[in-house]
């Protein structure tokens, strides 16, 4: 089967998206506040 070129194929791994360290973070246009009033609240 190997000589005939049929059978299992190895999948090519794709790299993940790399973060641009020099880019400014996106602005928080919704002014979200993720602070809780009390623990577990």
C-alpha atoms as a PDB file:
ATOM      1  CA  UNK A   1       0.000   0.000   0.000  1.00  0.00           C
ATOM      2  CA  UNK A   2       2.866   2.374   0.745  1.00  0.00           C
ATOM      3  CA  UNK A   3       4.384   1.798  -2.683  1.00  0.00           C
ATOM      4  CA  UNK A   4       1.023   2.461  -4.334  1.00  0.00           C
ATOM      5  CA  UNK A   5       0.685   5.741  -2.396  1.00  0.00           C
ATOM      6  CA  UNK A   6      -2.599   4.812  -0.750  1.00  0.00           C
ATOM      7  CA  UNK A   7      -3.397   4.617   2.911  1.00  0.00           C
ATOM      8  CA  UNK A   8      -2.954   6.891   5.876  1.00  0.00           C
ATOM      9  CA  UNK A   9      -1.724  10.468   5.367  1.00  0.00           C
ATOM     10  CA  UNK A  10      -0.066  12.546   8.024  1.00  0.00           C
ATOM     11  CA  UNK A  11      -1.898  15.768   8.745  1.00  0.00           C
ATOM     12  CA  UNK A  12       0.013  19.018   8.594  1.00  0.00           C
ATOM     13  CA  UNK A  13      -0.046  20.902  11.890  1.00  0.00           C
ATOM     14  CA  UNK A  14      -0.876  24.575  11.613  1.00  0.00           C
ATOM     15  CA  UNK A  15       0.642  27.117  13.941  1.00  0.00           C
ATOM     16  CA  UNK A  16      -1.543  29.220  16.161  1.00  0.00           C
ATOM     17  CA  UNK A  17      -2.041  32.914  15.635  1.00  0.00           C
ATOM     18  CA  UNK A  18       0.830  34.832  17.195  1.00  0.00           C
ATOM     19  CA  UNK A  19       0.099  37.902  19.310  1.00  0.00           C
ATOM     20  CA  UNK A  20       1.733  41.143  18.183  1.00  0.00           C
ATOM     21  CA  UNK A  21       3.525  42.296  21.343  1.00  0.00           C
ATOM     22  CA  UNK A  22       4.011  45.846  20.039  1.00  0.00           C
ATOM     23  CA  UNK A  23       0.328  46.431  19.138  1.00  0.00           C
ATOM     24  CA  UNK A  24      -1.843  48.478  21.469  1.00  0.00           C
ATOM     25  CA  UNK A  25      -4.740  46.586  23.096  1.00  0.00           C
ATOM     26  CA  UNK A  26      -8.204  47.161  21.645  1.00  0.00           C
ATOM     27  CA  UNK A  27     -10.212  49.837  23.457  1.00  0.00           C
ATOM     28  CA  UNK A  28     -13.105  48.742  25.716  1.00  0.00           C
ATOM     29  CA  UNK A  29     -15.936  50.458  23.844  1.00  0.00           C
ATOM     30  CA  UNK A  30     -18.656  49.036  26.125  1.00  0.00           C
ATOM     31  CA  UNK A  31     -17.025  50.201  29.392  1.00  0.00           C
ATOM     32  CA  UNK A  32     -17.552  46.758  30.941  1.00  0.00           C
ATOM     33  CA  UNK A  33     -16.923  46.339  34.678  1.00  0.00           C
ATOM     34  CA  UNK A  34     -16.065  42.801  35.773  1.00  0.00           C
ATOM     35  CA  UNK A  35     -15.508  43.542  39.459  1.00  0.00           C
ATOM     36  CA  UNK A  36     -17.813  41.726  41.896  1.00  0.00           C
ATOM     37  CA  UNK A  37     -19.303  43.436  44.939  1.00  0.00           C
ATOM     38  CA  UNK A  38     -18.471  40.405  47.119  1.00  0.00           C
ATOM     39  CA  UNK A  39     -16.770  37.042  46.627  1.00  0.00           C
ATOM     40  CA  UNK A  40     -19.096  34.550  44.944  1.00  0.00           C
ATOM     41  CA  UNK A  41     -21.605  37.265  44.013  1.00  0.00           C
END
